[in-house]
Amino acid sequence: METNNQKLFSALSLCKKAGRLVLGFDAVMDSVYRGKAHLVLLASDVSEGTAKRVRRNCEDLAPCLQMPLAQTDLCAVTWKKVGVYAVTDEQLAVLCRRSLEQNKEDNA
């Protein structure tokens, strides 16, 4: 894992510790439909079909972003190989989003 991904990794760890990180397609979609998801995140190696389904289901309900981290990288946070995540706290969602934006700027 590259060092410029560390901020995002740390933000996701904080979400997990706070109990504000939802894992897996079904659980994430449930939180989106209930209006609890403030941000939906996709692992970099999630299948294209899953990514399309998630983006279609999140449309107008929650922002959906692709992460530069693969499912195996994220196992250190989640203890499972998962490709779809939701952040259910507004401030933590902002933190994750800023980390992603910072990562894009660093790679530009």
Protein backbone atom coordinates (compact mmCIF):
# COMPACT_ATOMS: atom_id res chain seq x y z
CA MET A 1 0.00 0.00 0.00
CA GLU A 2 1.41 3.39 -0.98
CA THR A 3 2.02 6.04 1.67
CA ASN A 4 -0.38 8.53 0.02
CA ASN A 5 -3.18 6.02 0.67
CA GLN A 6 -2.41 6.09 4.38
CA LYS A 7 -4.80 8.99 5.14
CA LEU A 8 -7.70 7.15 3.54
CA PHE A 9 -6.74 3.93 5.31
CA SER A 10 -6.61 5.79 8.64
CA ALA A 11 -9.98 7.45 7.98
CA LEU A 12 -11.56 4.06 7.24
CA SER A 13 -10.01 2.63 10.41
CA LEU A 14 -11.55 5.47 12.40
CA CYS A 15 -14.96 4.79 10.82
CA LYS A 16 -14.68 1.12 11.75
CA LYS A 17 -13.67 1.88 15.34
CA ALA A 18 -16.58 4.31 15.66
CA GLY A 19 -19.00 1.68 14.40
CA ARG A 20 -19.87 3.85 11.39
CA LEU A 21 -18.58 1.62 8.58
CA VAL A 22 -21.09 -0.71 6.90
CA LEU A 23 -19.64 -3.66 4.96
CA GLY A 24 -20.98 -5.65 2.04
CA PHE A 25 -23.38 -5.01 -0.82
CA ASP A 26 -26.67 -5.90 0.91
CA ALA A 27 -25.91 -4.06 4.15
CA VAL A 28 -24.66 -1.00 2.25
CA MET A 29 -27.75 -0.89 0.02
CA ASP A 30 -29.96 -1.18 3.09
CA SER A 31 -28.21 1.80 4.71
CA VAL A 32 -28.49 3.78 1.44
CA TYR A 33 -32.23 3.10 1.13
CA ARG A 34 -32.79 4.02 4.79
CA GLY A 35 -30.98 7.33 4.25
CA LYS A 36 -28.20 6.47 6.69
CA ALA A 37 -25.28 6.28 4.23
CA HIS A 38 -23.45 9.57 3.77
CA LEU A 39 -20.82 8.06 1.47
CA VAL A 40 -20.49 4.77 -0.40
CA LEU A 41 -17.01 3.52 -1.24
CA LEU A 42 -15.89 0.83 -3.67
CA ALA A 43 -12.61 -1.06 -3.47
CA SER A 44 -10.40 -0.64 -6.53
CA ASP A 45 -10.76 -4.30 -7.52
CA VAL A 46 -14.52 -4.67 -7.10
CA SER A 47 -16.13 -6.27 -10.16
CA GLU A 48 -17.47 -3.94 -12.85
CA GLY A 49 -20.95 -5.46 -12.50
CA THR A 50 -21.04 -4.80 -8.77
CA ALA A 51 -19.74 -1.25 -9.27
CA LYS A 52 -22.49 -0.53 -11.83
CA ARG A 53 -25.20 -1.94 -9.53
CA VAL A 54 -23.98 0.08 -6.57
CA ARG A 55 -23.72 3.33 -8.57
CA ARG A 56 -27.19 2.81 -10.07
CA ASN A 57 -28.72 2.10 -6.65
CA CYS A 58 -26.95 5.07 -5.02
CA GLU A 59 -28.03 7.58 -7.65
CA ASP A 60 -29.57 10.66 -5.98
CA LEU A 61 -29.35 8.93 -2.57
CA ALA A 62 -25.67 8.89 -1.60
CA PRO A 63 -22.36 9.79 -3.27
CA CYS A 64 -20.44 6.77 -4.52
CA LEU A 65 -16.65 6.89 -4.99
CA GLN A 66 -13.98 4.41 -6.06
CA MET A 67 -11.03 3.98 -3.70
CA PRO A 68 -7.42 3.34 -4.76
CA LEU A 69 -7.27 0.51 -2.18
CA ALA A 70 -7.90 -3.12 -3.12
CA GLN A 71 -9.99 -5.54 -1.06
CA THR A 72 -6.87 -7.26 0.29
CA ASP A 73 -5.45 -3.88 1.42
CA LEU A 74 -8.67 -3.19 3.30
CA CYS A 75 -8.61 -6.53 5.14
CA ALA A 76 -6.41 -4.88 7.77
CA VAL A 77 -9.38 -2.63 8.65
CA THR A 78 -12.34 -4.93 8.07
CA TRP A 79 -10.88 -8.40 8.76
CA LYS A 80 -12.85 -9.59 5.70
CA LYS A 81 -12.45 -9.32 1.96
CA VAL A 82 -15.17 -6.79 1.12
CA GLY A 83 -15.55 -4.52 -1.90
CA VAL A 84 -18.48 -2.24 -0.94
CA TYR A 85 -18.56 0.09 2.06
CA ALA A 86 -20.80 2.82 3.46
CA VAL A 87 -19.91 5.52 5.96
CA THR A 88 -22.91 6.35 8.16
CA ASP A 89 -21.52 9.42 9.93
CA GLU A 90 -21.53 12.75 8.12
CA GLN A 91 -18.25 14.07 9.54
CA LEU A 92 -16.42 10.79 8.97
CA ALA A 93 -17.77 10.75 5.39
CA VAL A 94 -16.27 14.22 4.89
CA LEU A 95 -12.96 12.97 6.29
CA CYS A 96 -12.94 9.99 3.88
CA ARG A 97 -13.88 12.19 0.95
CA ARG A 98 -11.09 14.68 1.73
CA SER A 99 -8.61 11.82 2.02
CA LEU A 100 -9.67 10.56 -1.41
CA GLU A 101 -9.40 14.05 -2.92
CA GLN A 102 -5.97 14.54 -1.36
CA ASN A 103 -4.90 11.20 -2.81
CA LYS A 104 -6.04 12.27 -6.30
CA GLU A 105 -4.14 15.57 -6.00
CA ASP A 106 -0.99 13.76 -4.87
CA ASN A 107 -1.21 11.42 -7.87
CA ALA A 108 -1.97 14.17 -10.41
